[in-house]
Amino acid sequence: MKRRTLLQAAPALLGLPSLSRAQAAYPSKAIRYIVPVSAGGGSDMVGRTVTERWGNLLKQNFVVDNQGGGGGVIACQAAARAAPDGYTLLQGYVATHGTSPATRKLPYDAIKDFTPIGMIGGTPNVLVVNASLPVNNIREFIDYVKKNPGKVSYGSAGQGSLTHLTMELFKQQIASFMVHIPYRGIAPAFTDLIGGQTQAMFPGLAAAVPHIRSGRVRPLAVTGLQRHPQFKDLPTLDESGFKGFDAQQWYGVVGPAGMPAPIVKQLNDTLATVLRAPDLREKLSVEAIEPQVMTPEQFGNFIKADIARWTQLARARGIQLDS
């Protein structure tokens, strides 16, 4: 056998997987990066900020493909149906791979239909109240709710949203009732909270920051196990007695199921390098996002745990929505 033929045949002779020329040269063309929201806004900014730096490392362009609509269903289906060659990736997030699978029947399987690549980062949720409410901390708020049964209402960005489920988790743990008022998005929910039509909400920190800083709403605590760098004086729910209380608006990267392990590793390694850069942390701080480096295995387990947590809560609270 000629030397070249022998070298090409060696992996098969040794029982090892061989890389195709396309895999070995990856990436040899632009990478399609599906973002499941319309252009503009926080999620789109995250995707464009990360892929600009990621593309520089991989020496290939990322083409951001915004596919809004259907609560991320359209984008997820497009990604799941793509060839698993590393040239189509999806920016999954808490709705597409967390709360929606827990509360709806979807035309995709958030675990089986995708290959986890890595986490990008997340921002906590924050319990905020109308500035005129006579409470200044979490304990005073709980006492107020218990003393006013059925008279306290909270807004959310919609049925089954993270803002909805986080408050339902809180209600479950304090064993008290609050009226849920769902809105079509977080902006109108804030309008009514500031106006006093509702008294409380559990939005993502990024959406709450301008209203907190203007004094129009009062923050009481954040989710997660550590205080947020931008609000070091604001306690976590965990340290306030709600051990392990966690919820976050997170973003990560997945591809179609069946992607080759070498390509997944290359994408994960380079993504990790991007996330560790100090200038990226500064950029993402606009959305109050803290970068989080995870291996593909860790990110896959994270997705499974997030779906399991919200599924358990949805069943306990009777939250099951039409697809």
C-alpha atoms as a PDB file:
ATOM      1  CA  MET A   1       0.000   0.000   0.000  1.00  0.00           C
ATOM      2  CA  LYS A   2       1.173   3.508  -0.689  1.00  0.00           C
ATOM      3  CA  ARG A   3       2.037   5.565   2.386  1.00  0.00           C
ATOM      4  CA  ARG A   4      -0.904   7.985   1.887  1.00  0.00           C
ATOM      5  CA  THR A   5      -3.375   5.120   1.479  1.00  0.00           C
ATOM      6  CA  LEU A   6      -2.012   3.449   4.595  1.00  0.00           C
ATOM      7  CA  LEU A   7      -2.336   6.632   6.650  1.00  0.00           C
ATOM      8  CA  GLN A   8      -5.914   7.151   5.507  1.00  0.00           C
ATOM      9  CA  ALA A   9      -6.787   3.544   6.321  1.00  0.00           C
ATOM     10  CA  ALA A  10      -5.037   3.550   9.727  1.00  0.00           C
ATOM     11  CA  PRO A  11      -8.000   4.785  11.799  1.00  0.00           C
ATOM     12  CA  ALA A  12     -10.269   2.067  10.400  1.00  0.00           C
ATOM     13  CA  LEU A  13      -7.610  -0.602  10.926  1.00  0.00           C
ATOM     14  CA  LEU A  14      -7.214   0.457  14.536  1.00  0.00           C
ATOM     15  CA  GLY A  15     -10.949   0.628  15.090  1.00  0.00           C
ATOM     16  CA  LEU A  16     -10.866   4.421  15.488  1.00  0.00           C
ATOM     17  CA  PRO A  17     -13.344   6.895  13.983  1.00  0.00           C
ATOM     18  CA  SER A  18     -11.956   8.777  11.010  1.00  0.00           C
ATOM     19  CA  LEU A  19     -12.565  12.424  10.256  1.00  0.00           C
ATOM     20  CA  SER A  20     -13.887  13.346   6.853  1.00  0.00           C
ATOM     21  CA  ARG A  21     -12.022  16.042   4.998  1.00  0.00           C
ATOM     22  CA  ALA A  22     -14.933  18.418   5.673  1.00  0.00           C
ATOM     23  CA  GLN A  23     -14.719  17.822   9.430  1.00  0.00           C
ATOM     24  CA  ALA A  24     -10.934  18.092   9.465  1.00  0.00           C
ATOM     25  CA  ALA A  25     -11.100  21.465   7.716  1.00  0.00           C
ATOM     26  CA  TYR A  26     -13.984  22.808   9.814  1.00  0.00           C
ATOM     27  CA  PRO A  27     -15.061  25.502   9.458  1.00  0.00           C
ATOM     28  CA  SER A  28     -14.505  25.973   5.733  1.00  0.00           C
ATOM     29  CA  LYS A  29     -17.472  28.287   5.156  1.00  0.00           C
ATOM     30  CA  ALA A  30     -19.748  30.704   7.012  1.00  0.00           C
ATOM     31  CA  ILE A  31     -21.777  29.408   9.970  1.00  0.00           C
ATOM     32  CA  ARG A  32     -25.500  30.115  10.169  1.00  0.00           C
ATOM     33  CA  TYR A  33     -26.435  31.249  13.684  1.00  0.00           C
ATOM     34  CA  ILE A  34     -30.182  31.214  14.323  1.00  0.00           C
ATOM     35  CA  VAL A  35     -31.466  33.620  16.971  1.00  0.00           C
ATOM     36  CA  PRO A  36     -35.103  32.837  17.896  1.00  0.00           C
ATOM     37  CA  VAL A  37     -36.212  36.476  18.172  1.00  0.00           C
ATOM     38  CA  SER A  38     -36.548  39.421  15.816  1.00  0.00           C
ATOM     39  CA  ALA A  39     -33.574  41.704  15.256  1.00  0.00           C
ATOM     40  CA  GLY A  40     -32.951  44.207  18.023  1.00  0.00           C
ATOM     41  CA  GLY A  41     -33.330  43.650  21.744  1.00  0.00           C
ATOM     42  CA  GLY A  42     -31.237  41.870  24.328  1.00  0.00           C
ATOM     43  CA  SER A  43     -31.177  38.336  22.922  1.00  0.00           C
ATOM     44  CA  ASP A  44     -30.158  39.556  19.477  1.00  0.00           C
ATOM     45  CA  MET A  45     -27.425  41.731  21.006  1.00  0.00           C
ATOM     46  CA  VAL A  46     -26.055  38.728  22.898  1.00  0.00           C
ATOM     47  CA  GLY A  47     -25.892  36.641  19.728  1.00  0.00           C
ATOM     48  CA  ARG A  48     -24.219  39.304  17.605  1.00  0.00           C
ATOM     49  CA  THR A  49     -21.722  40.243  20.317  1.00  0.00           C
ATOM     50  CA  VAL A  50     -20.651  36.642  20.891  1.00  0.00           C
ATOM     51  CA  THR A  51     -20.531  35.547  17.248  1.00  0.00           C
ATOM     52  CA  GLU A  52     -18.437  38.538  16.171  1.00  0.00           C
ATOM     53  CA  ARG A  53     -15.648  37.432  18.525  1.00  0.00           C
ATOM     54  CA  TRP A  54     -16.274  33.733  17.933  1.00  0.00           C
ATOM     55  CA  GLY A  55     -15.935  34.170  14.187  1.00  0.00           C
ATOM     56  CA  ASN A  56     -12.602  35.925  14.631  1.00  0.00           C
ATOM     57  CA  LEU A  57     -11.270  32.913  16.537  1.00  0.00           C
ATOM     58  CA  LEU A  58     -12.576  30.380  14.024  1.00  0.00           C
ATOM     59  CA  LYS A  59     -11.542  32.567  11.086  1.00  0.00           C
ATOM     60  CA  GLN A  60     -15.009  32.276   9.569  1.00  0.00           C
ATOM     61  CA  ASN A  61     -18.039  34.538   9.519  1.00  0.00           C
ATOM     62  CA  PHE A  62     -21.183  33.845  11.509  1.00  0.00           C
ATOM     63  CA  VAL A  63     -24.348  34.852   9.677  1.00  0.00           C
ATOM     64  CA  VAL A  64     -27.001  35.778  12.254  1.00  0.00           C
ATOM     65  CA  ASP A  65     -30.423  34.553  11.134  1.00  0.00           C
ATOM     66  CA  ASN A  66     -33.218  36.105  13.198  1.00  0.00           C
ATOM     67  CA  GLN A  67     -36.282  33.864  13.214  1.00  0.00           C
ATOM     68  CA  GLY A  68     -38.855  35.286  15.575  1.00  0.00           C
ATOM     69  CA  GLY A  69     -42.365  33.977  16.049  1.00  0.00           C
ATOM     70  CA  GLY A  70     -44.022  31.064  17.737  1.00  0.00           C
ATOM     71  CA  GLY A  71     -42.157  31.617  20.984  1.00  0.00           C
ATOM     72  CA  GLY A  72     -39.001  30.212  19.425  1.00  0.00           C
ATOM     73  CA  VAL A  73     -40.697  27.188  17.852  1.00  0.00           C
ATOM     74  CA  ILE A  74     -39.963  28.242  14.255  1.00  0.00           C
ATOM     75  CA  ALA A  75     -36.279  28.763  14.982  1.00  0.00           C
ATOM     76  CA  CYS A  76     -35.970  25.508  16.917  1.00  0.00           C
ATOM     77  CA  GLN A  77     -37.560  23.492  14.135  1.00  0.00           C
ATOM     78  CA  ALA A  78     -35.254  25.073  11.555  1.00  0.00           C
ATOM     79  CA  ALA A  79     -32.186  24.236  13.634  1.00  0.00           C
ATOM     80  CA  ALA A  80     -33.307  20.690  14.464  1.00  0.00           C
ATOM     81  CA  ARG A  81     -33.917  19.894  10.782  1.00  0.00           C
ATOM     82  CA  ALA A  82     -30.556  21.237   9.597  1.00  0.00           C
ATOM     83  CA  ALA A  83     -27.640  19.000   8.694  1.00  0.00           C
ATOM     84  CA  PRO A  84     -25.583  18.175  11.823  1.00  0.00           C
ATOM     85  CA  ASP A  85     -22.358  19.381  10.217  1.00  0.00           C
ATOM     86  CA  GLY A  86     -21.637  22.379  12.450  1.00  0.00           C
ATOM     87  CA  TYR A  87     -22.783  24.950   9.916  1.00  0.00           C
ATOM     88  CA  THR A  88     -26.140  25.636  11.573  1.00  0.00           C
ATOM     89  CA  LEU A  89     -26.274  26.599  15.247  1.00  0.00           C
ATOM     90  CA  LEU A  90     -29.091  27.919  17.433  1.00  0.00           C
ATOM     91  CA  GLN A  91     -28.986  30.322  20.327  1.00  0.00           C
ATOM     92  CA  GLY A  92     -31.268  28.436  22.672  1.00  0.00           C
ATOM     93  CA  TYR A  93     -32.472  30.151  25.814  1.00  0.00           C
ATOM     94  CA  VAL A  94     -34.620  29.612  28.876  1.00  0.00           C
ATOM     95  CA  ALA A  95     -37.886  29.703  26.900  1.00  0.00           C
ATOM     96  CA  THR A  96     -36.927  27.347  24.056  1.00  0.00           C
ATOM     97  CA  HIS A  97     -35.049  24.866  26.267  1.00  0.00           C
ATOM     98  CA  GLY A  98     -36.537  25.442  29.705  1.00  0.00           C
ATOM     99  CA  THR A  99     -39.975  26.864  30.409  1.00  0.00           C
ATOM    100  CA  SER A 100     -41.759  26.117  27.107  1.00  0.00           C
ATOM    101  CA  PRO A 101     -40.937  22.379  27.131  1.00  0.00           C
ATOM    102  CA  ALA A 102     -42.239  22.326  30.719  1.00  0.00           C
ATOM    103  CA  THR A 103     -45.570  23.977  29.975  1.00  0.00           C
ATOM    104  CA  ARG A 104     -46.434  23.249  26.332  1.00  0.00           C
ATOM    105  CA  LYS A 105     -46.621  20.468  23.774  1.00  0.00           C
ATOM    106  CA  LEU A 106     -43.952  21.391  21.255  1.00  0.00           C
ATOM    107  CA  PRO A 107     -43.164  20.069  17.748  1.00  0.00           C
ATOM    108  CA  TYR A 108     -39.564  19.499  18.849  1.00  0.00           C
ATOM    109  CA  ASP A 109     -37.827  17.689  21.691  1.00  0.00           C
ATOM    110  CA  ALA A 110     -35.588  20.165  23.505  1.00  0.00           C
ATOM    111  CA  ILE A 111     -33.188  17.383  24.536  1.00  0.00           C
ATOM    112  CA  LYS A 112     -33.265  14.665  21.860  1.00  0.00           C
ATOM    113  CA  ASP A 113     -33.361  16.964  18.818  1.00  0.00           C
ATOM    114  CA  PHE A 114     -30.278  18.999  19.710  1.00  0.00           C
ATOM    115  CA  THR A 115     -26.563  18.751  20.448  1.00  0.00           C
ATOM    116  CA  PRO A 116     -25.489  20.973  23.365  1.00  0.00           C
ATOM    117  CA  ILE A 117     -22.476  23.140  22.497  1.00  0.00           C
ATOM    118  CA  GLY A 118     -22.084  25.407  25.517  1.00  0.00           C
ATOM    119  CA  MET A 119     -23.598  28.009  27.808  1.00  0.00           C
ATOM    120  CA  ILE A 120     -23.155  31.713  27.076  1.00  0.00           C
ATOM    121  CA  GLY A 121     -24.421  33.193  30.329  1.00  0.00           C
ATOM    122  CA  GLY A 122     -27.417  34.289  32.316  1.00  0.00           C
ATOM    123  CA  THR A 123     -29.026  37.060  34.305  1.00  0.00           C
ATOM    124  CA  PRO A 124     -31.056  36.486  37.486  1.00  0.00           C
ATOM    125  CA  ASN A 125     -34.657  37.386  38.085  1.00  0.00           C
ATOM    126  CA  VAL A 126     -35.410  40.036  40.665  1.00  0.00           C
ATOM    127  CA  LEU A 127     -38.431  40.420  42.940  1.00  0.00           C
ATOM    128  CA  VAL A 128     -39.626  44.015  42.573  1.00  0.00           C
ATOM    129  CA  VAL A 129     -42.615  45.796  44.062  1.00  0.00           C
ATOM    130  CA  ASN A 130     -44.449  49.030  43.389  1.00  0.00           C
ATOM    131  CA  ALA A 131     -42.503  51.846  45.058  1.00  0.00           C
ATOM    132  CA  SER A 132     -45.509  52.861  47.166  1.00  0.00           C
ATOM    133  CA  LEU A 133     -45.972  49.410  48.716  1.00  0.00           C
ATOM    134  CA  PRO A 134     -45.118  49.620  52.457  1.00  0.00           C
ATOM    135  CA  VAL A 135     -42.397  46.943  52.341  1.00  0.00           C
ATOM    136  CA  ASN A 136     -38.608  47.246  52.217  1.00  0.00           C
ATOM    137  CA  ASN A 137     -37.396  43.665  52.311  1.00  0.00           C
ATOM    138  CA  ILE A 138     -38.471  40.124  51.498  1.00  0.00           C
ATOM    139  CA  ARG A 139     -39.844  39.316  54.969  1.00  0.00           C
ATOM    140  CA  GLU A 140     -41.978  42.446  55.071  1.00  0.00           C
ATOM    141  CA  PHE A 141     -43.354  41.566  51.626  1.00  0.00           C
ATOM    142  CA  ILE A 142     -44.270  38.031  52.720  1.00  0.00           C
ATOM    143  CA  ASP A 143     -46.028  39.421  55.810  1.00  0.00           C
ATOM    144  CA  TYR A 144     -47.891  41.927  53.627  1.00  0.00           C
ATOM    145  CA  VAL A 145     -49.084  39.186  51.261  1.00  0.00           C
ATOM    146  CA  LYS A 146     -50.254  37.006  54.153  1.00  0.00           C
ATOM    147  CA  LYS A 147     -52.126  39.892  55.788  1.00  0.00           C
ATOM    148  CA  ASN A 148     -53.836  40.807  52.518  1.00  0.00           C
ATOM    149  CA  PRO A 149     -55.026  37.476  51.080  1.00  0.00           C
ATOM    150  CA  GLY A 150     -56.244  37.780  47.513  1.00  0.00           C
ATOM    151  CA  LYS A 151     -55.572  41.524  47.399  1.00  0.00           C
ATOM    152  CA  VAL A 152     -52.022  41.379  46.014  1.00  0.00           C
ATOM    153  CA  SER A 153     -51.571  40.838  42.286  1.00  0.00           C
ATOM    154  CA  TYR A 154     -48.464  40.272  40.225  1.00  0.00           C
ATOM    155  CA  GLY A 155     -47.752  40.777  36.551  1.00  0.00           C
ATOM    156  CA  SER A 156     -45.830  38.601  34.132  1.00  0.00           C
ATOM    157  CA  ALA A 157     -44.632  38.662  30.530  1.00  0.00           C
ATOM    158  CA  GLY A 158     -47.254  36.014  29.728  1.00  0.00           C
ATOM    159  CA  GLN A 159     -48.607  32.606  30.691  1.00  0.00           C
ATOM    160  CA  GLY A 160     -45.797  30.097  31.118  1.00  0.00           C
ATOM    161  CA  SER A 161     -43.059  32.719  30.903  1.00  0.00           C
ATOM    162  CA  LEU A 162     -40.113  32.700  33.279  1.00  0.00           C
ATOM    163  CA  THR A 163     -41.581  35.722  35.073  1.00  0.00           C
ATOM    164  CA  HIS A 164     -44.778  33.725  35.638  1.00  0.00           C
ATOM    165  CA  LEU A 165     -43.137  30.488  36.769  1.00  0.00           C
ATOM    166  CA  THR A 166     -40.644  32.199  39.080  1.00  0.00           C
ATOM    167  CA  MET A 167     -43.430  33.915  41.007  1.00  0.00           C
ATOM    168  CA  GLU A 168     -45.406  30.670  41.125  1.00  0.00           C
ATOM    169  CA  LEU A 169     -42.345  28.995  42.644  1.00  0.00           C
ATOM    170  CA  PHE A 170     -42.167  31.796  45.200  1.00  0.00           C
ATOM    171  CA  LYS A 171     -45.886  31.487  45.994  1.00  0.00           C
ATOM    172  CA  GLN A 172     -45.458  27.757  46.435  1.00  0.00           C
ATOM    173  CA  GLN A 173     -42.642  28.245  48.925  1.00  0.00           C
ATOM    174  CA  ILE A 174     -44.394  30.900  51.020  1.00  0.00           C
ATOM    175  CA  ALA A 175     -47.732  29.038  50.815  1.00  0.00           C
ATOM    176  CA  SER A 176     -49.664  32.208  49.998  1.00  0.00           C
ATOM    177  CA  PHE A 177     -51.905  33.376  47.170  1.00  0.00           C
ATOM    178  CA  MET A 178     -51.386  36.256  44.743  1.00  0.00           C
ATOM    179  CA  VAL A 179     -53.472  37.002  41.661  1.00  0.00           C
ATOM    180  CA  HIS A 180     -51.639  36.468  38.368  1.00  0.00           C
ATOM    181  CA  ILE A 181     -52.095  39.109  35.669  1.00  0.00           C
ATOM    182  CA  PRO A 182     -50.422  37.963  32.405  1.00  0.00           C
ATOM    183  CA  TYR A 183     -49.394  40.575  29.833  1.00  0.00           C
ATOM    184  CA  ARG A 184     -48.157  40.442  26.250  1.00  0.00           C
ATOM    185  CA  GLY A 185     -44.550  41.106  27.123  1.00  0.00           C
ATOM    186  CA  ILE A 186     -42.611  42.646  29.973  1.00  0.00           C
ATOM    187  CA  ALA A 187     -43.036  46.321  28.944  1.00  0.00           C
ATOM    188  CA  PRO A 188     -46.806  46.557  29.564  1.00  0.00           C
ATOM    189  CA  ALA A 189     -46.366  44.526  32.745  1.00  0.00           C
ATOM    190  CA  PHE A 190     -43.942  47.169  34.032  1.00  0.00           C
ATOM    191  CA  THR A 191     -46.338  49.964  33.027  1.00  0.00           C
ATOM    192  CA  ASP A 192     -49.043  48.573  35.278  1.00  0.00           C
ATOM    193  CA  LEU A 193     -46.636  47.755  38.104  1.00  0.00           C
ATOM    194  CA  ILE A 194     -45.333  51.328  38.127  1.00  0.00           C
ATOM    195  CA  GLY A 195     -48.906  52.620  37.889  1.00  0.00           C
ATOM    196  CA  GLY A 196     -50.045  50.551  40.859  1.00  0.00           C
ATOM    197  CA  GLN A 197     -52.453  48.263  38.990  1.00  0.00           C
ATOM    198  CA  THR A 198     -50.274  45.352  40.134  1.00  0.00           C
ATOM    199  CA  GLN A 199     -48.076  45.228  43.201  1.00  0.00           C
ATOM    200  CA  ALA A 200     -45.195  42.878  42.390  1.00  0.00           C
ATOM    201  CA  MET A 201     -43.296  41.098  39.631  1.00  0.00           C
ATOM    202  CA  PHE A 202     -40.310  38.785  39.056  1.00  0.00           C
ATOM    203  CA  PRO A 203     -38.699  40.133  35.844  1.00  0.00           C
ATOM    204  CA  GLY A 204     -35.218  39.450  34.555  1.00  0.00           C
ATOM    205  CA  LEU A 205     -32.736  41.845  36.126  1.00  0.00           C
ATOM    206  CA  ALA A 206     -31.800  43.437  32.784  1.00  0.00           C
ATOM    207  CA  ALA A 207     -35.383  44.556  32.150  1.00  0.00           C
ATOM    208  CA  ALA A 208     -35.722  45.860  35.711  1.00  0.00           C
ATOM    209  CA  VAL A 209     -32.482  47.861  35.960  1.00  0.00           C
ATOM    210  CA  PRO A 210     -33.731  51.183  34.494  1.00  0.00           C
ATOM    211  CA  HIS A 211     -36.879  51.101  36.646  1.00  0.00           C
ATOM    212  CA  ILE A 212     -34.897  50.225  39.777  1.00  0.00           C
ATOM    213  CA  ARG A 213     -32.423  53.045  39.169  1.00  0.00           C
ATOM    214  CA  SER A 214     -35.209  55.547  38.529  1.00  0.00           C
ATOM    215  CA  GLY A 215     -36.841  54.572  41.826  1.00  0.00           C
ATOM    216  CA  ARG A 216     -40.121  53.629  40.173  1.00  0.00           C
ATOM    217  CA  VAL A 217     -39.944  50.076  41.552  1.00  0.00           C
ATOM    218  CA  ARG A 218     -38.239  48.710  44.667  1.00  0.00           C
ATOM    219  CA  PRO A 219     -36.060  45.575  44.439  1.00  0.00           C
ATOM    220  CA  LEU A 220     -36.243  43.111  47.321  1.00  0.00           C
ATOM    221  CA  ALA A 221     -34.088  40.132  46.310  1.00  0.00           C
ATOM    222  CA  VAL A 222     -32.539  38.354  43.323  1.00  0.00           C
ATOM    223  CA  THR A 223     -32.629  34.714  42.367  1.00  0.00           C
ATOM    224  CA  GLY A 224     -29.464  32.666  42.173  1.00  0.00           C
ATOM    225  CA  LEU A 225     -26.870  31.662  44.718  1.00  0.00           C
ATOM    226  CA  GLN A 226     -24.658  34.756  44.511  1.00  0.00           C
ATOM    227  CA  ARG A 227     -25.324  38.488  44.648  1.00  0.00           C
ATOM    228  CA  HIS A 228     -25.145  40.252  41.312  1.00  0.00           C
ATOM    229  CA  PRO A 229     -22.063  42.451  40.704  1.00  0.00           C
ATOM    230  CA  GLN A 230     -24.242  45.404  39.683  1.00  0.00           C
ATOM    231  CA  PHE A 231     -26.348  45.223  42.870  1.00  0.00           C
ATOM    232  CA  LYS A 232     -24.036  43.992  45.601  1.00  0.00           C
ATOM    233  CA  ASP A 233     -26.318  45.307  48.369  1.00  0.00           C
ATOM    234  CA  LEU A 234     -29.313  43.336  47.087  1.00  0.00           C
ATOM    235  CA  PRO A 235     -29.611  39.954  48.863  1.00  0.00           C
ATOM    236  CA  THR A 236     -30.332  36.675  47.122  1.00  0.00           C
ATOM    237  CA  LEU A 237     -33.421  34.642  47.903  1.00  0.00           C
ATOM    238  CA  ASP A 238     -31.074  31.835  48.909  1.00  0.00           C
ATOM    239  CA  GLU A 239     -29.513  33.904  51.705  1.00  0.00           C
ATOM    240  CA  SER A 240     -32.978  35.199  52.628  1.00  0.00           C
ATOM    241  CA  GLY A 241     -34.044  31.711  53.668  1.00  0.00           C
ATOM    242  CA  PHE A 242     -35.142  30.211  50.322  1.00  0.00           C
ATOM    243  CA  LYS A 243     -32.331  27.703  49.982  1.00  0.00           C
ATOM    244  CA  GLY A 244     -31.513  26.775  46.396  1.00  0.00           C
ATOM    245  CA  PHE A 245     -34.086  29.185  44.931  1.00  0.00           C
ATOM    246  CA  ASP A 246     -32.765  29.691  41.432  1.00  0.00           C
ATOM    247  CA  ALA A 247     -34.162  31.049  38.174  1.00  0.00           C
ATOM    248  CA  GLN A 248     -32.369  32.873  35.443  1.00  0.00           C
ATOM    249  CA  GLN A 249     -32.774  34.186  31.938  1.00  0.00           C
ATOM    250  CA  TRP A 250     -30.028  32.165  30.297  1.00  0.00           C
ATOM    251  CA  TYR A 251     -28.606  31.867  26.795  1.00  0.00           C
ATOM    252  CA  GLY A 252     -26.617  29.026  25.258  1.00  0.00           C
ATOM    253  CA  VAL A 253     -25.694  27.408  21.962  1.00  0.00           C
ATOM    254  CA  VAL A 254     -27.001  24.141  20.533  1.00  0.00           C
ATOM    255  CA  GLY A 255     -26.833  22.441  17.164  1.00  0.00           C
ATOM    256  CA  PRO A 256     -28.858  19.686  15.473  1.00  0.00           C
ATOM    257  CA  ALA A 257     -28.692  16.230  17.056  1.00  0.00           C
ATOM    258  CA  GLY A 258     -25.829  14.018  15.930  1.00  0.00           C
ATOM    259  CA  MET A 259     -23.069  16.570  15.475  1.00  0.00           C
ATOM    260  CA  PRO A 260     -19.538  15.052  15.311  1.00  0.00           C
ATOM    261  CA  ALA A 261     -17.719  15.187  18.657  1.00  0.00           C
ATOM    262  CA  PRO A 262     -14.555  16.849  17.240  1.00  0.00           C
ATOM    263  CA  ILE A 263     -16.602  19.739  15.849  1.00  0.00           C
ATOM    264  CA  VAL A 264     -18.541  20.096  19.101  1.00  0.00           C
ATOM    265  CA  LYS A 265     -15.269  20.220  21.032  1.00  0.00           C
ATOM    266  CA  GLN A 266     -13.788  22.818  18.691  1.00  0.00           C
ATOM    267  CA  LEU A 267     -16.868  25.011  19.005  1.00  0.00           C
ATOM    268  CA  ASN A 268     -16.965  24.635  22.784  1.00  0.00           C
ATOM    269  CA  ASP A 269     -13.256  25.364  23.236  1.00  0.00           C
ATOM    270  CA  THR A 270     -13.385  28.523  21.132  1.00  0.00           C
ATOM    271  CA  LEU A 271     -16.650  29.679  22.734  1.00  0.00           C
ATOM    272  CA  ALA A 272     -15.023  29.304  26.158  1.00  0.00           C
ATOM    273  CA  THR A 273     -12.121  31.485  25.016  1.00  0.00           C
ATOM    274  CA  VAL A 274     -14.584  34.158  23.878  1.00  0.00           C
ATOM    275  CA  LEU A 275     -16.481  34.063  27.182  1.00  0.00           C
ATOM    276  CA  ARG A 276     -13.335  34.448  29.285  1.00  0.00           C
ATOM    277  CA  ALA A 277     -12.359  37.738  27.614  1.00  0.00           C
ATOM    278  CA  PRO A 278     -12.824  40.710  29.995  1.00  0.00           C
ATOM    279  CA  ASP A 279     -14.175  42.937  27.220  1.00  0.00           C
ATOM    280  CA  LEU A 280     -17.012  40.491  26.532  1.00  0.00           C
ATOM    281  CA  ARG A 281     -18.078  40.548  30.193  1.00  0.00           C
ATOM    282  CA  GLU A 282     -18.208  44.328  29.958  1.00  0.00           C
ATOM    283  CA  LYS A 283     -20.291  44.198  26.765  1.00  0.00           C
ATOM    284  CA  LEU A 284     -22.795  41.715  28.191  1.00  0.00           C
ATOM    285  CA  SER A 285     -23.134  43.707  31.419  1.00  0.00           C
ATOM    286  CA  VAL A 286     -25.498  45.989  29.483  1.00  0.00           C
ATOM    287  CA  GLU A 287     -27.986  43.111  29.729  1.00  0.00           C
ATOM    288  CA  ALA A 288     -26.794  42.237  33.269  1.00  0.00           C
ATOM    289  CA  ILE A 289     -25.511  38.924  31.885  1.00  0.00           C
ATOM    290  CA  GLU A 290     -22.685  37.078  33.585  1.00  0.00           C
ATOM    291  CA  PRO A 291     -20.756  34.776  31.195  1.00  0.00           C
ATOM    292  CA  GLN A 292     -20.771  31.117  32.253  1.00  0.00           C
ATOM    293  CA  VAL A 293     -18.338  28.622  30.749  1.00  0.00           C
ATOM    294  CA  MET A 294     -19.608  25.025  30.555  1.00  0.00           C
ATOM    295  CA  THR A 295     -18.528  21.896  28.719  1.00  0.00           C
ATOM    296  CA  PRO A 296     -21.082  20.379  26.309  1.00  0.00           C
ATOM    297  CA  GLU A 297     -21.849  17.703  28.926  1.00  0.00           C
ATOM    298  CA  GLN A 298     -22.361  20.284  31.669  1.00  0.00           C
ATOM    299  CA  PHE A 299     -24.600  22.387  29.443  1.00  0.00           C
ATOM    300  CA  GLY A 300     -26.640  19.350  28.398  1.00  0.00           C
ATOM    301  CA  ASN A 301     -27.165  18.448  32.056  1.00  0.00           C
ATOM    302  CA  PHE A 302     -28.070  22.064  32.817  1.00  0.00           C
ATOM    303  CA  ILE A 303     -30.817  22.012  30.157  1.00  0.00           C
ATOM    304  CA  LYS A 304     -32.203  18.730  31.475  1.00  0.00           C
ATOM    305  CA  ALA A 305     -32.248  20.055  35.042  1.00  0.00           C
ATOM    306  CA  ASP A 306     -33.938  23.321  34.018  1.00  0.00           C
ATOM    307  CA  ILE A 307     -36.680  21.503  32.124  1.00  0.00           C
ATOM    308  CA  ALA A 308     -37.171  19.060  35.006  1.00  0.00           C
ATOM    309  CA  ARG A 309     -37.461  21.855  37.572  1.00  0.00           C
ATOM    310  CA  TRP A 310     -40.062  23.834  35.647  1.00  0.00           C
ATOM    311  CA  THR A 311     -41.958  20.690  34.622  1.00  0.00           C
ATOM    312  CA  GLN A 312     -42.296  19.663  38.262  1.00  0.00           C
ATOM    313  CA  LEU A 313     -43.547  23.140  39.192  1.00  0.00           C
ATOM    314  CA  ALA A 314     -45.956  23.333  36.235  1.00  0.00           C
ATOM    315  CA  ARG A 315     -47.525  20.020  37.218  1.00  0.00           C
ATOM    316  CA  ALA A 316     -47.782  21.015  40.864  1.00  0.00           C
ATOM    317  CA  ARG A 317     -49.409  24.354  39.995  1.00  0.00           C
ATOM    318  CA  GLY A 318     -51.593  23.020  37.173  1.00  0.00           C
ATOM    319  CA  ILE A 319     -49.899  25.116  34.486  1.00  0.00           C
ATOM    320  CA  GLN A 320     -50.326  23.421  31.115  1.00  0.00           C
ATOM    321  CA  LEU A 321     -50.738  25.609  28.056  1.00  0.00           C
ATOM    322  CA  ASP A 322     -51.865  24.931  24.523  1.00  0.00           C
ATOM    323  CA  SER A 323     -49.087  24.656  21.947  1.00  0.00           C
END
